[in-house]
Amino acid sequence: MSFISVLLALLLEQARPLGRGNLVHASLRAWVRWSTRNFDAGKSFHGWLAWGIAVGGPSLLVLVIYWLLEVLVGWPAAVLWSVAVLYATLGFRQFSFHFTQIRDALADGDEELARQLLASWQLIDASELPRSEIVRHVIEHSVLSAHRHVFGVLAWFSVLAAFGFGPAGALLYRLSEFVVRYWQHKSKTQHQPVSEALLQTAANAWAIIDWLPARITAISFAVVGSFEEAIDGWRNYEPNSAADNDGIILSATAGAVNIKLGDAASSAVYPADGTLGGADIQNEAVSRQKPEQAHLAVIVGLVWRTVVMWMVLLALLTLARLLG
């Protein structure tokens, strides 16, 4: 019943999105904070222990509840639990308001406000960015956010749900992404620093967990965009770089909509070394267009076509399972 769970979760999230600082996210943040404080002792083993408790603990709890509901109550209760978990982990509204605010500021010709909003969103210095660079950053951040909040969640949910693990994959993916971002932020604060071992552990785990979803997202963008250009951009990028997951998504996106994306100074991602590795995207795409305001609407269309494609695939898989 993956299709029903995803459909209901998306409709619920569009109708009544979770507000910032909601109880669910606050509780998970408190759990991660507790795990860090009690198990991060600076060694590699402690890093994996803290990560396992922070990420694996809630994911295992979600799985156990799903199994209990399915066995003791029935599949409708299990589906409702999947909807609840997906509602908390899946959705556009968790990032799209940033995109909308910057797009509206650019449409009104207020580039200074757009720079301020971009700086506030991604915590970067955007004071000197020209208009095309503002658009480029917005596109990069939005595409990667769509991957992390929607397509990556869908990928892990669909794969693990097919093996009977319910919505555990959705929470595993989102928490894996969150702890990298959260611990990197904490490492820059003085009141509660995070050990280097824990940072490296979280980054390594995230790279592994995001490996398959990143490539699924890249292929999805190729299918709904310019397929040959997207695959060509991906192929040219991968051998000449560290081939990080975010760079693959951006290289495919750049080809799918024929624009220049990626820059070594971009802060759109947060791997262990803090770089994007995207200079190769730019070099391989010298004949492509610079991002313009009109491309924001193109990106929105690309993302929504990908969502529709995902829903069609899930519907077909669900139908095949019911008929089989």
C-alpha atoms as a PDB file:
ATOM      1  CA  MET A   1       0.000   0.000   0.000  1.00  0.00           C
ATOM      2  CA  SER A   2       2.944   2.324  -0.635  1.00  0.00           C
ATOM      3  CA  PHE A   3       1.015   4.373  -3.188  1.00  0.00           C
ATOM      4  CA  ILE A   4      -1.878   5.070  -0.805  1.00  0.00           C
ATOM      5  CA  SER A   5       0.491   6.007   2.023  1.00  0.00           C
ATOM      6  CA  VAL A   6       2.517   8.413  -0.110  1.00  0.00           C
ATOM      7  CA  LEU A   7      -0.548   9.959  -1.737  1.00  0.00           C
ATOM      8  CA  LEU A   8      -2.289  10.606   1.576  1.00  0.00           C
ATOM      9  CA  ALA A   9       0.888  11.977   3.141  1.00  0.00           C
ATOM     10  CA  LEU A  10       1.485  14.392   0.247  1.00  0.00           C
ATOM     11  CA  LEU A  11      -2.121  15.584   0.248  1.00  0.00           C
ATOM     12  CA  LEU A  12      -2.055  16.077   4.014  1.00  0.00           C
ATOM     13  CA  GLU A  13       1.242  17.929   3.839  1.00  0.00           C
ATOM     14  CA  GLN A  14      -0.081  20.259   1.144  1.00  0.00           C
ATOM     15  CA  ALA A  15      -3.320  20.926   3.054  1.00  0.00           C
ATOM     16  CA  ARG A  16      -1.819  21.296   6.529  1.00  0.00           C
ATOM     17  CA  PRO A  17       1.996  21.403   6.559  1.00  0.00           C
ATOM     18  CA  LEU A  18       3.880  20.909   9.783  1.00  0.00           C
ATOM     19  CA  GLY A  19       4.937  24.223  11.261  1.00  0.00           C
ATOM     20  CA  ARG A  20       8.510  25.031  12.159  1.00  0.00           C
ATOM     21  CA  GLY A  21       9.426  23.853  15.628  1.00  0.00           C
ATOM     22  CA  ASN A  22       6.616  21.294  15.681  1.00  0.00           C
ATOM     23  CA  LEU A  23       6.509  18.646  18.402  1.00  0.00           C
ATOM     24  CA  VAL A  24       7.698  15.786  16.187  1.00  0.00           C
ATOM     25  CA  HIS A  25      10.780  17.545  14.874  1.00  0.00           C
ATOM     26  CA  ALA A  26      11.544  19.074  18.278  1.00  0.00           C
ATOM     27  CA  SER A  27      11.388  15.631  19.890  1.00  0.00           C
ATOM     28  CA  LEU A  28      13.741  14.104  17.318  1.00  0.00           C
ATOM     29  CA  ARG A  29      16.120  17.036  17.723  1.00  0.00           C
ATOM     30  CA  ALA A  30      16.122  16.523  21.481  1.00  0.00           C
ATOM     31  CA  TRP A  31      16.821  12.798  20.971  1.00  0.00           C
ATOM     32  CA  VAL A  32      19.790  13.539  18.719  1.00  0.00           C
ATOM     33  CA  ARG A  33      21.079  16.071  21.242  1.00  0.00           C
ATOM     34  CA  TRP A  34      20.788  13.497  24.045  1.00  0.00           C
ATOM     35  CA  SER A  35      22.570  10.849  21.979  1.00  0.00           C
ATOM     36  CA  THR A  36      25.413  13.254  21.253  1.00  0.00           C
ATOM     37  CA  ARG A  37      25.808  14.333  24.851  1.00  0.00           C
ATOM     38  CA  ASN A  38      25.876  10.780  26.230  1.00  0.00           C
ATOM     39  CA  PHE A  39      27.748   8.748  23.595  1.00  0.00           C
ATOM     40  CA  ASP A  40      30.121  11.068  21.716  1.00  0.00           C
ATOM     41  CA  ALA A  41      33.432  10.355  23.449  1.00  0.00           C
ATOM     42  CA  GLY A  42      35.704  11.245  20.542  1.00  0.00           C
ATOM     43  CA  LYS A  43      36.604   7.769  19.261  1.00  0.00           C
ATOM     44  CA  SER A  44      35.489   6.221  15.973  1.00  0.00           C
ATOM     45  CA  PHE A  45      33.595   3.493  17.840  1.00  0.00           C
ATOM     46  CA  HIS A  46      31.758   6.096  19.892  1.00  0.00           C
ATOM     47  CA  GLY A  47      30.929   7.985  16.708  1.00  0.00           C
ATOM     48  CA  TRP A  48      29.208   4.955  15.218  1.00  0.00           C
ATOM     49  CA  LEU A  49      27.520   4.227  18.541  1.00  0.00           C
ATOM     50  CA  ALA A  50      26.149   7.770  18.803  1.00  0.00           C
ATOM     51  CA  TRP A  51      25.034   7.700  15.162  1.00  0.00           C
ATOM     52  CA  GLY A  52      23.398   4.300  15.577  1.00  0.00           C
ATOM     53  CA  ILE A  53      21.452   5.418  18.621  1.00  0.00           C
ATOM     54  CA  ALA A  54      20.486   8.809  17.170  1.00  0.00           C
ATOM     55  CA  VAL A  55      19.389   7.463  13.772  1.00  0.00           C
ATOM     56  CA  GLY A  56      18.841   3.746  14.238  1.00  0.00           C
ATOM     57  CA  GLY A  57      16.909   4.003  17.502  1.00  0.00           C
ATOM     58  CA  PRO A  58      13.920   6.002  16.186  1.00  0.00           C
ATOM     59  CA  SER A  59      13.961   4.067  12.885  1.00  0.00           C
ATOM     60  CA  LEU A  60      13.790   0.748  14.742  1.00  0.00           C
ATOM     61  CA  LEU A  61      10.964   2.052  16.937  1.00  0.00           C
ATOM     62  CA  VAL A  62       8.987   3.087  13.850  1.00  0.00           C
ATOM     63  CA  LEU A  63       9.517  -0.376  12.367  1.00  0.00           C
ATOM     64  CA  VAL A  64       8.413  -2.202  15.540  1.00  0.00           C
ATOM     65  CA  ILE A  65       5.253  -0.089  15.809  1.00  0.00           C
ATOM     66  CA  TYR A  66       4.479  -0.790  12.145  1.00  0.00           C
ATOM     67  CA  TRP A  67       4.853  -4.551  12.626  1.00  0.00           C
ATOM     68  CA  LEU A  68       2.757  -4.545  15.795  1.00  0.00           C
ATOM     69  CA  LEU A  69      -0.048  -2.573  14.151  1.00  0.00           C
ATOM     70  CA  GLU A  70      -0.020  -4.846  11.107  1.00  0.00           C
ATOM     71  CA  VAL A  71      -0.157  -8.028  13.218  1.00  0.00           C
ATOM     72  CA  LEU A  72      -2.408  -6.938  16.080  1.00  0.00           C
ATOM     73  CA  VAL A  73      -4.763  -4.462  14.399  1.00  0.00           C
ATOM     74  CA  GLY A  74      -4.529  -4.984  10.644  1.00  0.00           C
ATOM     75  CA  TRP A  75      -3.145  -3.403   7.504  1.00  0.00           C
ATOM     76  CA  PRO A  76      -5.346  -0.236   7.649  1.00  0.00           C
ATOM     77  CA  ALA A  77      -3.718   0.742  10.950  1.00  0.00           C
ATOM     78  CA  ALA A  78      -0.276   0.022   9.498  1.00  0.00           C
ATOM     79  CA  VAL A  79      -1.069   2.223   6.496  1.00  0.00           C
ATOM     80  CA  LEU A  80      -2.179   5.065   8.765  1.00  0.00           C
ATOM     81  CA  TRP A  81       1.078   4.748  10.697  1.00  0.00           C
ATOM     82  CA  SER A  82       3.002   4.923   7.418  1.00  0.00           C
ATOM     83  CA  VAL A  83       1.056   8.050   6.467  1.00  0.00           C
ATOM     84  CA  ALA A  84       1.909   9.648   9.825  1.00  0.00           C
ATOM     85  CA  VAL A  85       5.632   8.898   9.460  1.00  0.00           C
ATOM     86  CA  LEU A  86       5.700  10.086   5.844  1.00  0.00           C
ATOM     87  CA  TYR A  87       3.819  13.229   6.825  1.00  0.00           C
ATOM     88  CA  ALA A  88       6.624  14.065   9.252  1.00  0.00           C
ATOM     89  CA  THR A  89       9.462  13.217   6.856  1.00  0.00           C
ATOM     90  CA  LEU A  90       8.166  13.922   3.352  1.00  0.00           C
ATOM     91  CA  GLY A  91       7.074  17.177   1.816  1.00  0.00           C
ATOM     92  CA  PHE A  92       7.760  20.333  -0.141  1.00  0.00           C
ATOM     93  CA  ARG A  93       6.543  22.750   2.498  1.00  0.00           C
ATOM     94  CA  GLN A  94       9.587  22.038   4.677  1.00  0.00           C
ATOM     95  CA  PHE A  95      11.731  24.112   2.299  1.00  0.00           C
ATOM     96  CA  SER A  96       9.592  25.599  -0.472  1.00  0.00           C
ATOM     97  CA  PHE A  97       8.706  28.818   1.344  1.00  0.00           C
ATOM     98  CA  HIS A  98      12.367  29.917   0.984  1.00  0.00           C
ATOM     99  CA  PHE A  99      12.178  29.322  -2.752  1.00  0.00           C
ATOM    100  CA  THR A 100       8.887  31.192  -3.032  1.00  0.00           C
ATOM    101  CA  GLN A 101      10.103  34.219  -1.072  1.00  0.00           C
ATOM    102  CA  ILE A 102      13.268  34.598  -3.164  1.00  0.00           C
ATOM    103  CA  ARG A 103      11.395  34.042  -6.424  1.00  0.00           C
ATOM    104  CA  ASP A 104       8.853  36.732  -5.493  1.00  0.00           C
ATOM    105  CA  ALA A 105      11.626  39.153  -4.514  1.00  0.00           C
ATOM    106  CA  LEU A 106      13.335  38.641  -7.872  1.00  0.00           C
ATOM    107  CA  ALA A 107      10.023  39.058  -9.686  1.00  0.00           C
ATOM    108  CA  ASP A 108       9.554  42.393  -7.900  1.00  0.00           C
ATOM    109  CA  GLY A 109      13.049  43.467  -8.896  1.00  0.00           C
ATOM    110  CA  ASP A 110      14.248  43.564  -5.281  1.00  0.00           C
ATOM    111  CA  GLU A 111      17.618  41.854  -5.640  1.00  0.00           C
ATOM    112  CA  GLU A 112      18.831  43.096  -2.266  1.00  0.00           C
ATOM    113  CA  LEU A 113      15.951  41.371  -0.496  1.00  0.00           C
ATOM    114  CA  ALA A 114      16.609  38.234  -2.546  1.00  0.00           C
ATOM    115  CA  ARG A 115      20.252  38.277  -1.381  1.00  0.00           C
ATOM    116  CA  GLN A 116      19.185  38.687   2.234  1.00  0.00           C
ATOM    117  CA  LEU A 117      16.704  35.828   1.982  1.00  0.00           C
ATOM    118  CA  LEU A 118      19.282  33.570   0.331  1.00  0.00           C
ATOM    119  CA  ALA A 119      21.875  34.428   2.990  1.00  0.00           C
ATOM    120  CA  SER A 120      19.349  33.714   5.739  1.00  0.00           C
ATOM    121  CA  TRP A 121      18.340  30.402   4.144  1.00  0.00           C
ATOM    122  CA  GLN A 122      21.784  28.954   3.496  1.00  0.00           C
ATOM    123  CA  LEU A 123      23.908  30.998   5.937  1.00  0.00           C
ATOM    124  CA  ILE A 124      26.222  32.299   3.232  1.00  0.00           C
ATOM    125  CA  ASP A 125      27.518  35.719   2.241  1.00  0.00           C
ATOM    126  CA  ALA A 126      25.322  36.686  -0.707  1.00  0.00           C
ATOM    127  CA  SER A 127      25.943  40.441  -0.575  1.00  0.00           C
ATOM    128  CA  GLU A 128      28.023  40.528  -3.770  1.00  0.00           C
ATOM    129  CA  LEU A 129      26.146  37.958  -5.837  1.00  0.00           C
ATOM    130  CA  PRO A 130      24.830  39.142  -9.217  1.00  0.00           C
ATOM    131  CA  ARG A 131      21.299  38.245 -10.247  1.00  0.00           C
ATOM    132  CA  SER A 132      22.282  35.145 -12.256  1.00  0.00           C
ATOM    133  CA  GLU A 133      24.277  33.798  -9.308  1.00  0.00           C
ATOM    134  CA  ILE A 134      21.344  34.355  -6.964  1.00  0.00           C
ATOM    135  CA  VAL A 135      19.187  32.303  -9.316  1.00  0.00           C
ATOM    136  CA  ARG A 136      21.869  29.622  -9.594  1.00  0.00           C
ATOM    137  CA  HIS A 137      22.158  29.260  -5.837  1.00  0.00           C
ATOM    138  CA  VAL A 138      18.375  29.144  -5.441  1.00  0.00           C
ATOM    139  CA  ILE A 139      18.084  26.435  -8.100  1.00  0.00           C
ATOM    140  CA  GLU A 140      20.887  24.353  -6.593  1.00  0.00           C
ATOM    141  CA  HIS A 141      19.567  24.580  -3.052  1.00  0.00           C
ATOM    142  CA  SER A 142      15.995  23.931  -4.157  1.00  0.00           C
ATOM    143  CA  VAL A 143      16.868  20.884  -6.277  1.00  0.00           C
ATOM    144  CA  LEU A 144      18.930  19.352  -3.483  1.00  0.00           C
ATOM    145  CA  SER A 145      16.222  20.150  -0.940  1.00  0.00           C
ATOM    146  CA  ALA A 146      13.612  18.514  -3.161  1.00  0.00           C
ATOM    147  CA  HIS A 147      15.840  15.453  -3.336  1.00  0.00           C
ATOM    148  CA  ARG A 148      16.331  15.265   0.437  1.00  0.00           C
ATOM    149  CA  HIS A 149      12.784  16.075   1.435  1.00  0.00           C
ATOM    150  CA  VAL A 150      10.927  14.218  -1.306  1.00  0.00           C
ATOM    151  CA  PHE A 151      12.718  11.928  -3.730  1.00  0.00           C
ATOM    152  CA  GLY A 152      15.304  10.470  -1.376  1.00  0.00           C
ATOM    153  CA  VAL A 153      12.596   9.794   1.189  1.00  0.00           C
ATOM    154  CA  LEU A 154      10.443   8.160  -1.483  1.00  0.00           C
ATOM    155  CA  ALA A 155      13.328   5.989  -2.630  1.00  0.00           C
ATOM    156  CA  TRP A 156      14.183   4.578   0.794  1.00  0.00           C
ATOM    157  CA  PHE A 157      10.533   4.235   1.778  1.00  0.00           C
ATOM    158  CA  SER A 158       9.684   2.357  -1.415  1.00  0.00           C
ATOM    159  CA  VAL A 159      12.668   0.003  -1.249  1.00  0.00           C
ATOM    160  CA  LEU A 160      12.261  -0.978   2.402  1.00  0.00           C
ATOM    161  CA  ALA A 161       8.453  -1.057   2.269  1.00  0.00           C
ATOM    162  CA  ALA A 162       8.706  -3.607  -0.539  1.00  0.00           C
ATOM    163  CA  PHE A 163      10.518  -5.905   1.906  1.00  0.00           C
ATOM    164  CA  GLY A 164       7.994  -5.372   4.696  1.00  0.00           C
ATOM    165  CA  PHE A 165       9.830  -2.697   6.667  1.00  0.00           C
ATOM    166  CA  GLY A 166       7.047  -0.131   6.365  1.00  0.00           C
ATOM    167  CA  PRO A 167       7.997   3.537   6.773  1.00  0.00           C
ATOM    168  CA  ALA A 168      11.296   2.864   8.579  1.00  0.00           C
ATOM    169  CA  GLY A 169      13.297   3.759   5.472  1.00  0.00           C
ATOM    170  CA  ALA A 170      11.746   7.226   5.288  1.00  0.00           C
ATOM    171  CA  LEU A 171      12.799   8.098   8.826  1.00  0.00           C
ATOM    172  CA  LEU A 172      16.216   6.484   8.419  1.00  0.00           C
ATOM    173  CA  TYR A 173      16.917   8.658   5.387  1.00  0.00           C
ATOM    174  CA  ARG A 174      15.689  11.944   6.855  1.00  0.00           C
ATOM    175  CA  LEU A 175      17.444  11.436  10.181  1.00  0.00           C
ATOM    176  CA  SER A 176      20.690  10.496   8.413  1.00  0.00           C
ATOM    177  CA  GLU A 177      20.544  13.775   6.527  1.00  0.00           C
ATOM    178  CA  PHE A 178      19.520  15.771   9.583  1.00  0.00           C
ATOM    179  CA  VAL A 179      22.309  14.592  11.893  1.00  0.00           C
ATOM    180  CA  VAL A 180      25.000  15.585   9.369  1.00  0.00           C
ATOM    181  CA  ARG A 181      23.596  19.083   9.183  1.00  0.00           C
ATOM    182  CA  TYR A 182      22.863  19.334  12.900  1.00  0.00           C
ATOM    183  CA  TRP A 183      26.249  18.049  14.087  1.00  0.00           C
ATOM    184  CA  GLN A 184      28.138  20.278  11.676  1.00  0.00           C
ATOM    185  CA  HIS A 185      26.229  23.233  13.091  1.00  0.00           C
ATOM    186  CA  LYS A 186      26.957  22.086  16.631  1.00  0.00           C
ATOM    187  CA  SER A 187      30.657  21.658  15.874  1.00  0.00           C
ATOM    188  CA  LYS A 188      30.839  25.391  15.142  1.00  0.00           C
ATOM    189  CA  THR A 189      29.347  26.359  18.503  1.00  0.00           C
ATOM    190  CA  GLN A 190      31.374  26.588  21.670  1.00  0.00           C
ATOM    191  CA  HIS A 191      28.807  25.474  24.222  1.00  0.00           C
ATOM    192  CA  GLN A 192      28.408  21.933  22.802  1.00  0.00           C
ATOM    193  CA  PRO A 193      31.125  20.970  20.292  1.00  0.00           C
ATOM    194  CA  VAL A 194      30.944  17.675  18.391  1.00  0.00           C
ATOM    195  CA  SER A 195      33.950  15.412  17.972  1.00  0.00           C
ATOM    196  CA  GLU A 196      35.674  15.026  14.629  1.00  0.00           C
ATOM    197  CA  ALA A 197      35.048  11.267  14.789  1.00  0.00           C
ATOM    198  CA  LEU A 198      31.301  11.779  15.021  1.00  0.00           C
ATOM    199  CA  LEU A 199      31.304  14.294  12.168  1.00  0.00           C
ATOM    200  CA  GLN A 200      33.235  11.897   9.948  1.00  0.00           C
ATOM    201  CA  THR A 201      31.000   8.976  10.894  1.00  0.00           C
ATOM    202  CA  ALA A 202      27.840  10.918  10.065  1.00  0.00           C
ATOM    203  CA  ALA A 203      29.290  12.110   6.747  1.00  0.00           C
ATOM    204  CA  ASN A 204      30.374   8.586   5.756  1.00  0.00           C
ATOM    205  CA  ALA A 205      27.019   7.099   6.705  1.00  0.00           C
ATOM    206  CA  TRP A 206      25.155   9.809   4.807  1.00  0.00           C
ATOM    207  CA  ALA A 207      27.260   9.263   1.674  1.00  0.00           C
ATOM    208  CA  ILE A 208      26.397   5.553   1.751  1.00  0.00           C
ATOM    209  CA  ILE A 209      22.706   6.021   2.491  1.00  0.00           C
ATOM    210  CA  ASP A 210      22.286   8.725  -0.154  1.00  0.00           C
ATOM    211  CA  TRP A 211      24.245   6.861  -2.849  1.00  0.00           C
ATOM    212  CA  LEU A 212      21.280   5.027  -4.394  1.00  0.00           C
ATOM    213  CA  PRO A 213      18.617   7.763  -3.940  1.00  0.00           C
ATOM    214  CA  ALA A 214      20.918  10.360  -5.525  1.00  0.00           C
ATOM    215  CA  ARG A 215      21.284   8.272  -8.649  1.00  0.00           C
ATOM    216  CA  ILE A 216      17.569   7.493  -8.749  1.00  0.00           C
ATOM    217  CA  THR A 217      16.836  11.224  -8.565  1.00  0.00           C
ATOM    218  CA  ALA A 218      19.365  11.956 -11.315  1.00  0.00           C
ATOM    219  CA  ILE A 219      17.797   9.327 -13.576  1.00  0.00           C
ATOM    220  CA  SER A 220      14.309  10.638 -12.769  1.00  0.00           C
ATOM    221  CA  PHE A 221      15.284  14.177 -13.775  1.00  0.00           C
ATOM    222  CA  ALA A 222      16.770  12.786 -16.977  1.00  0.00           C
ATOM    223  CA  VAL A 223      13.547  10.933 -17.825  1.00  0.00           C
ATOM    224  CA  VAL A 224      11.285  13.968 -17.324  1.00  0.00           C
ATOM    225  CA  GLY A 225      13.805  16.460 -18.750  1.00  0.00           C
ATOM    226  CA  SER A 226      16.311  16.312 -21.584  1.00  0.00           C
ATOM    227  CA  PHE A 227      17.444  12.699 -21.214  1.00  0.00           C
ATOM    228  CA  GLU A 228      20.547  12.693 -23.398  1.00  0.00           C
ATOM    229  CA  GLU A 229      21.865  15.991 -22.014  1.00  0.00           C
ATOM    230  CA  ALA A 230      21.247  14.917 -18.419  1.00  0.00           C
ATOM    231  CA  ILE A 231      23.004  11.576 -18.837  1.00  0.00           C
ATOM    232  CA  ASP A 232      25.835  13.255 -20.733  1.00  0.00           C
ATOM    233  CA  GLY A 233      26.289  15.800 -17.941  1.00  0.00           C
ATOM    234  CA  TRP A 234      26.333  13.031 -15.358  1.00  0.00           C
ATOM    235  CA  ARG A 235      28.805  10.965 -17.406  1.00  0.00           C
ATOM    236  CA  ASN A 236      31.160  13.913 -17.927  1.00  0.00           C
ATOM    237  CA  TYR A 237      31.041  14.919 -14.280  1.00  0.00           C
ATOM    238  CA  GLU A 238      31.617  11.557 -12.613  1.00  0.00           C
ATOM    239  CA  PRO A 239      35.076  10.536 -13.921  1.00  0.00           C
ATOM    240  CA  ASN A 240      36.581  14.004 -13.334  1.00  0.00           C
ATOM    241  CA  SER A 241      35.570  14.568  -9.727  1.00  0.00           C
ATOM    242  CA  ALA A 242      35.000  12.945  -6.391  1.00  0.00           C
ATOM    243  CA  ALA A 243      31.556  12.083  -7.776  1.00  0.00           C
ATOM    244  CA  ASP A 244      29.766  13.107  -4.607  1.00  0.00           C
ATOM    245  CA  ASN A 245      26.040  12.438  -4.563  1.00  0.00           C
ATOM    246  CA  ASP A 246      25.006  16.097  -4.683  1.00  0.00           C
ATOM    247  CA  GLY A 247      27.255  16.802  -7.634  1.00  0.00           C
ATOM    248  CA  ILE A 248      25.662  13.960  -9.596  1.00  0.00           C
ATOM    249  CA  ILE A 249      22.182  15.363  -8.947  1.00  0.00           C
ATOM    250  CA  LEU A 250      23.242  18.856 -10.014  1.00  0.00           C
ATOM    251  CA  SER A 251      25.052  17.616 -13.124  1.00  0.00           C
ATOM    252  CA  ALA A 252      21.925  15.715 -14.203  1.00  0.00           C
ATOM    253  CA  THR A 253      19.707  18.715 -13.415  1.00  0.00           C
ATOM    254  CA  ALA A 254      21.961  21.028 -15.411  1.00  0.00           C
ATOM    255  CA  GLY A 255      21.676  18.775 -18.436  1.00  0.00           C
ATOM    256  CA  ALA A 256      17.958  18.156 -17.997  1.00  0.00           C
ATOM    257  CA  VAL A 257      17.124  21.875 -18.253  1.00  0.00           C
ATOM    258  CA  ASN A 258      20.237  23.075 -20.163  1.00  0.00           C
ATOM    259  CA  ILE A 259      21.681  25.529 -17.636  1.00  0.00           C
ATOM    260  CA  LYS A 260      25.017  25.975 -15.879  1.00  0.00           C
ATOM    261  CA  LEU A 261      25.056  24.699 -12.325  1.00  0.00           C
ATOM    262  CA  GLY A 262      27.733  23.914  -9.780  1.00  0.00           C
ATOM    263  CA  ASP A 263      30.659  25.857  -8.465  1.00  0.00           C
ATOM    264  CA  ALA A 264      33.492  24.944  -6.159  1.00  0.00           C
ATOM    265  CA  ALA A 265      32.469  27.749  -3.818  1.00  0.00           C
ATOM    266  CA  SER A 266      28.878  26.634  -3.589  1.00  0.00           C
ATOM    267  CA  SER A 267      27.550  25.942  -0.103  1.00  0.00           C
ATOM    268  CA  ALA A 268      24.575  23.976  -1.359  1.00  0.00           C
ATOM    269  CA  VAL A 269      25.869  20.778   0.168  1.00  0.00           C
ATOM    270  CA  TYR A 270      27.684  19.676   3.252  1.00  0.00           C
ATOM    271  CA  PRO A 271      29.927  16.648   2.768  1.00  0.00           C
ATOM    272  CA  ALA A 272      32.784  15.963   5.154  1.00  0.00           C
ATOM    273  CA  ASP A 273      35.160  18.410   3.465  1.00  0.00           C
ATOM    274  CA  GLY A 274      32.508  21.108   3.038  1.00  0.00           C
ATOM    275  CA  THR A 275      32.848  21.370  -0.741  1.00  0.00           C
ATOM    276  CA  LEU A 276      30.551  20.642  -3.626  1.00  0.00           C
ATOM    277  CA  GLY A 277      33.088  19.362  -6.102  1.00  0.00           C
ATOM    278  CA  GLY A 278      30.990  21.085  -8.719  1.00  0.00           C
ATOM    279  CA  ALA A 279      33.649  22.985 -10.659  1.00  0.00           C
ATOM    280  CA  ASP A 280      33.636  20.129 -13.159  1.00  0.00           C
ATOM    281  CA  ILE A 281      29.919  20.648 -13.719  1.00  0.00           C
ATOM    282  CA  GLN A 282      30.633  24.226 -14.687  1.00  0.00           C
ATOM    283  CA  ASN A 283      33.585  23.335 -16.912  1.00  0.00           C
ATOM    284  CA  GLU A 284      31.697  20.612 -18.750  1.00  0.00           C
ATOM    285  CA  ALA A 285      28.738  22.923 -19.295  1.00  0.00           C
ATOM    286  CA  VAL A 286      30.384  25.973 -20.871  1.00  0.00           C
ATOM    287  CA  SER A 287      27.912  25.924 -23.765  1.00  0.00           C
ATOM    288  CA  ARG A 288      24.856  25.971 -21.513  1.00  0.00           C
ATOM    289  CA  GLN A 289      22.832  29.002 -20.517  1.00  0.00           C
ATOM    290  CA  LYS A 290      23.406  31.016 -17.392  1.00  0.00           C
ATOM    291  CA  PRO A 291      20.532  30.618 -14.936  1.00  0.00           C
ATOM    292  CA  GLU A 292      17.846  33.241 -15.344  1.00  0.00           C
ATOM    293  CA  GLN A 293      14.659  33.976 -13.445  1.00  0.00           C
ATOM    294  CA  ALA A 294      12.582  32.081 -16.012  1.00  0.00           C
ATOM    295  CA  HIS A 295      14.508  28.918 -15.134  1.00  0.00           C
ATOM    296  CA  LEU A 296      12.942  28.924 -11.671  1.00  0.00           C
ATOM    297  CA  ALA A 297       9.613  27.997 -13.241  1.00  0.00           C
ATOM    298  CA  VAL A 298      11.382  25.369 -15.351  1.00  0.00           C
ATOM    299  CA  ILE A 299      12.831  23.770 -12.211  1.00  0.00           C
ATOM    300  CA  VAL A 300       9.419  23.763 -10.534  1.00  0.00           C
ATOM    301  CA  GLY A 301       8.006  21.964 -13.571  1.00  0.00           C
ATOM    302  CA  LEU A 302      10.884  19.469 -13.546  1.00  0.00           C
ATOM    303  CA  VAL A 303      10.300  18.632  -9.876  1.00  0.00           C
ATOM    304  CA  TRP A 304       6.537  18.247 -10.205  1.00  0.00           C
ATOM    305  CA  ARG A 305       6.851  16.058 -13.310  1.00  0.00           C
ATOM    306  CA  THR A 306       9.199  13.855 -11.318  1.00  0.00           C
ATOM    307  CA  VAL A 307       6.655  13.638  -8.483  1.00  0.00           C
ATOM    308  CA  VAL A 308       3.962  12.587 -10.961  1.00  0.00           C
ATOM    309  CA  MET A 309       6.273   9.973 -12.441  1.00  0.00           C
ATOM    310  CA  TRP A 310       6.991   8.583  -8.965  1.00  0.00           C
ATOM    311  CA  MET A 311       3.300   8.404  -8.143  1.00  0.00           C
ATOM    312  CA  VAL A 312       2.509   6.601 -11.392  1.00  0.00           C
ATOM    313  CA  LEU A 313       5.271   4.069 -10.743  1.00  0.00           C
ATOM    314  CA  LEU A 314       4.086   3.484  -7.169  1.00  0.00           C
ATOM    315  CA  ALA A 315       0.508   3.084  -8.387  1.00  0.00           C
ATOM    316  CA  LEU A 316       1.571   0.494 -10.966  1.00  0.00           C
ATOM    317  CA  LEU A 317       3.661  -1.407  -8.417  1.00  0.00           C
ATOM    318  CA  THR A 318       0.800  -1.386  -5.915  1.00  0.00           C
ATOM    319  CA  LEU A 319      -1.641  -2.589  -8.579  1.00  0.00           C
ATOM    320  CA  ALA A 320       0.725  -5.343  -9.670  1.00  0.00           C
ATOM    321  CA  ARG A 321       1.121  -6.487  -6.078  1.00  0.00           C
ATOM    322  CA  LEU A 322      -2.655  -6.561  -5.524  1.00  0.00           C
ATOM    323  CA  LEU A 323      -3.291  -8.482  -8.737  1.00  0.00           C
ATOM    324  CA  GLY A 324      -0.420 -10.850  -8.090  1.00  0.00           C
END
